[in-house]
Amino acid sequence: MKNVLRKFFVVTVMLFGLAACAGTSNQKSAGEVIDDAAITTKVKSALIQDKDVSAMRIQVETYKGVVQLSGFANTREEADKAVDVTRRVAGVKSVKNDIRIK
């Protein structure tokens, strides 16, 4: 009987531990934090590599795969190109464009 109780206790502790790692609608799990950081890095890198976008003036933030672009662009075309480049990055679910035109 002791062995059964011990196993039950171990399984219960493990389930609570797993539940603590899961994200909620308002909070990200540890995996989501890592995924979002990787997406942000990939987007920033893609923007830097594109000669038509001034990546230094565009900020990138990611929350659960949704990328928010903010900052400034010289033209509407540059802002649109930044959004297009971002959409092509693996893992990006959607893009919020808050880039302002100078």
C-alpha atoms as a PDB file:
ATOM      1  CA  MET A   1       0.000   0.000   0.000  1.00  0.00           C
ATOM      2  CA  LYS A   2       2.882   2.343   0.846  1.00  0.00           C
ATOM      3  CA  ASN A   3       4.368   1.771  -2.612  1.00  0.00           C
ATOM      4  CA  VAL A   4       1.060   2.697  -4.297  1.00  0.00           C
ATOM      5  CA  LEU A   5       0.773   5.893  -2.255  1.00  0.00           C
ATOM      6  CA  ARG A   6       4.367   6.793  -3.015  1.00  0.00           C
ATOM      7  CA  LYS A   7       3.762   6.345  -6.784  1.00  0.00           C
ATOM      8  CA  PHE A   8       0.560   8.377  -6.573  1.00  0.00           C
ATOM      9  CA  PHE A   9       2.424  11.168  -4.775  1.00  0.00           C
ATOM     10  CA  VAL A  10       5.251  11.192  -7.358  1.00  0.00           C
ATOM     11  CA  VAL A  11       2.799  11.286 -10.279  1.00  0.00           C
ATOM     12  CA  THR A  12       0.797  14.090  -8.625  1.00  0.00           C
ATOM     13  CA  VAL A  13       3.935  16.181  -8.039  1.00  0.00           C
ATOM     14  CA  MET A  14       5.017  15.633 -11.648  1.00  0.00           C
ATOM     15  CA  LEU A  15       1.615  16.718 -12.982  1.00  0.00           C
ATOM     16  CA  PHE A  16       1.672  19.878 -10.888  1.00  0.00           C
ATOM     17  CA  GLY A  17       5.190  20.565 -12.092  1.00  0.00           C
ATOM     18  CA  LEU A  18       4.150  20.212 -15.724  1.00  0.00           C
ATOM     19  CA  ALA A  19       1.123  22.430 -15.186  1.00  0.00           C
ATOM     20  CA  ALA A  20       3.382  25.119 -13.742  1.00  0.00           C
ATOM     21  CA  CYS A  21       5.407  25.153 -16.980  1.00  0.00           C
ATOM     22  CA  ALA A  22       2.371  25.586 -19.217  1.00  0.00           C
ATOM     23  CA  GLY A  23       1.457  29.022 -20.480  1.00  0.00           C
ATOM     24  CA  THR A  24      -1.884  30.709 -20.031  1.00  0.00           C
ATOM     25  CA  SER A  25      -3.675  33.173 -22.265  1.00  0.00           C
ATOM     26  CA  ASN A  26      -1.975  36.036 -20.399  1.00  0.00           C
ATOM     27  CA  GLN A  27       1.340  34.391 -19.593  1.00  0.00           C
ATOM     28  CA  LYS A  28       3.920  32.627 -21.751  1.00  0.00           C
ATOM     29  CA  SER A  29       5.413  29.238 -20.975  1.00  0.00           C
ATOM     30  CA  ALA A  30       9.189  28.821 -20.860  1.00  0.00           C
ATOM     31  CA  GLY A  31       9.089  27.270 -24.337  1.00  0.00           C
ATOM     32  CA  GLU A  32       7.093  30.195 -25.736  1.00  0.00           C
ATOM     33  CA  VAL A  33       9.600  32.664 -24.299  1.00  0.00           C
ATOM     34  CA  ILE A  34      12.424  30.834 -26.065  1.00  0.00           C
ATOM     35  CA  ASP A  35      10.428  30.526 -29.306  1.00  0.00           C
ATOM     36  CA  ASP A  36       9.555  34.223 -29.281  1.00  0.00           C
ATOM     37  CA  ALA A  37      13.177  35.216 -28.657  1.00  0.00           C
ATOM     38  CA  ALA A  38      14.266  33.066 -31.595  1.00  0.00           C
ATOM     39  CA  ILE A  39      11.594  34.582 -33.858  1.00  0.00           C
ATOM     40  CA  THR A  40      12.613  38.109 -32.838  1.00  0.00           C
ATOM     41  CA  THR A  41      16.253  37.315 -33.646  1.00  0.00           C
ATOM     42  CA  LYS A  42      15.359  35.794 -37.025  1.00  0.00           C
ATOM     43  CA  VAL A  43      13.163  38.771 -37.962  1.00  0.00           C
ATOM     44  CA  LYS A  44      15.807  41.312 -36.959  1.00  0.00           C
ATOM     45  CA  SER A  45      18.422  39.381 -38.939  1.00  0.00           C
ATOM     46  CA  ALA A  46      16.161  39.232 -42.004  1.00  0.00           C
ATOM     47  CA  LEU A  47      15.518  42.980 -41.779  1.00  0.00           C
ATOM     48  CA  ILE A  48      19.250  43.699 -41.493  1.00  0.00           C
ATOM     49  CA  GLN A  49      19.957  41.595 -44.588  1.00  0.00           C
ATOM     50  CA  ASP A  50      17.350  43.402 -46.688  1.00  0.00           C
ATOM     51  CA  LYS A  51      18.937  46.390 -48.434  1.00  0.00           C
ATOM     52  CA  ASP A  52      15.584  48.197 -48.804  1.00  0.00           C
ATOM     53  CA  VAL A  53      14.875  48.316 -45.058  1.00  0.00           C
ATOM     54  CA  SER A  54      16.669  50.404 -42.450  1.00  0.00           C
ATOM     55  CA  ALA A  55      16.631  47.792 -39.689  1.00  0.00           C
ATOM     56  CA  MET A  56      18.305  50.095 -37.175  1.00  0.00           C
ATOM     57  CA  ARG A  57      15.157  52.248 -36.968  1.00  0.00           C
ATOM     58  CA  ILE A  58      12.710  49.345 -36.629  1.00  0.00           C
ATOM     59  CA  GLN A  59      12.082  47.595 -33.323  1.00  0.00           C
ATOM     60  CA  VAL A  60      10.848  44.006 -33.193  1.00  0.00           C
ATOM     61  CA  GLU A  61       8.859  42.418 -30.367  1.00  0.00           C
ATOM     62  CA  THR A  62       7.266  38.970 -30.397  1.00  0.00           C
ATOM     63  CA  TYR A  63       4.485  37.588 -28.205  1.00  0.00           C
ATOM     64  CA  LYS A  64       3.296  34.033 -28.823  1.00  0.00           C
ATOM     65  CA  GLY A  65       4.388  34.191 -32.464  1.00  0.00           C
ATOM     66  CA  VAL A  66       2.769  37.569 -33.166  1.00  0.00           C
ATOM     67  CA  VAL A  67       5.440  40.051 -34.224  1.00  0.00           C
ATOM     68  CA  GLN A  68       5.008  43.760 -33.598  1.00  0.00           C
ATOM     69  CA  LEU A  69       7.088  46.127 -35.693  1.00  0.00           C
ATOM     70  CA  SER A  70       7.519  49.700 -34.500  1.00  0.00           C
ATOM     71  CA  GLY A  71       9.838  52.589 -35.187  1.00  0.00           C
ATOM     72  CA  PHE A  72      10.284  54.661 -38.321  1.00  0.00           C
ATOM     73  CA  ALA A  73      10.609  54.225 -42.070  1.00  0.00           C
ATOM     74  CA  ASN A  74      11.372  56.825 -44.720  1.00  0.00           C
ATOM     75  CA  THR A  75       8.579  55.665 -47.048  1.00  0.00           C
ATOM     76  CA  ARG A  76       5.420  53.555 -47.029  1.00  0.00           C
ATOM     77  CA  GLU A  77       7.216  51.134 -49.363  1.00  0.00           C
ATOM     78  CA  GLU A  78       9.987  50.605 -46.815  1.00  0.00           C
ATOM     79  CA  ALA A  79       7.446  49.921 -44.056  1.00  0.00           C
ATOM     80  CA  ASP A  80       5.516  47.510 -46.310  1.00  0.00           C
ATOM     81  CA  LYS A  81       8.757  45.719 -47.213  1.00  0.00           C
ATOM     82  CA  ALA A  82       9.595  45.296 -43.504  1.00  0.00           C
ATOM     83  CA  VAL A  83       6.196  43.675 -42.957  1.00  0.00           C
ATOM     84  CA  ASP A  84       6.658  41.426 -45.995  1.00  0.00           C
ATOM     85  CA  VAL A  85      10.128  40.322 -44.854  1.00  0.00           C
ATOM     86  CA  THR A  86       8.766  39.611 -41.369  1.00  0.00           C
ATOM     87  CA  ARG A  87       5.848  37.503 -42.647  1.00  0.00           C
ATOM     88  CA  ARG A  88       8.292  35.211 -44.461  1.00  0.00           C
ATOM     89  CA  VAL A  89      10.191  34.298 -41.281  1.00  0.00           C
ATOM     90  CA  ALA A  90       9.442  30.804 -39.990  1.00  0.00           C
ATOM     91  CA  GLY A  91       7.318  30.798 -36.847  1.00  0.00           C
ATOM     92  CA  VAL A  92       5.674  34.171 -37.421  1.00  0.00           C
ATOM     93  CA  LYS A  93       1.904  33.785 -36.974  1.00  0.00           C
ATOM     94  CA  SER A  94       0.982  37.375 -37.790  1.00  0.00           C
ATOM     95  CA  VAL A  95       2.481  40.875 -37.956  1.00  0.00           C
ATOM     96  CA  LYS A  96       1.272  44.072 -36.273  1.00  0.00           C
ATOM     97  CA  ASN A  97       2.631  47.043 -38.178  1.00  0.00           C
ATOM     98  CA  ASP A  98       3.152  50.086 -35.958  1.00  0.00           C
ATOM     99  CA  ILE A  99       5.912  51.574 -38.132  1.00  0.00           C
ATOM    100  CA  ARG A 100       5.559  55.332 -38.589  1.00  0.00           C
ATOM    101  CA  ILE A 101       6.535  57.152 -41.789  1.00  0.00           C
ATOM    102  CA  LYS A 102       8.964  60.051 -41.359  1.00  0.00           C
END
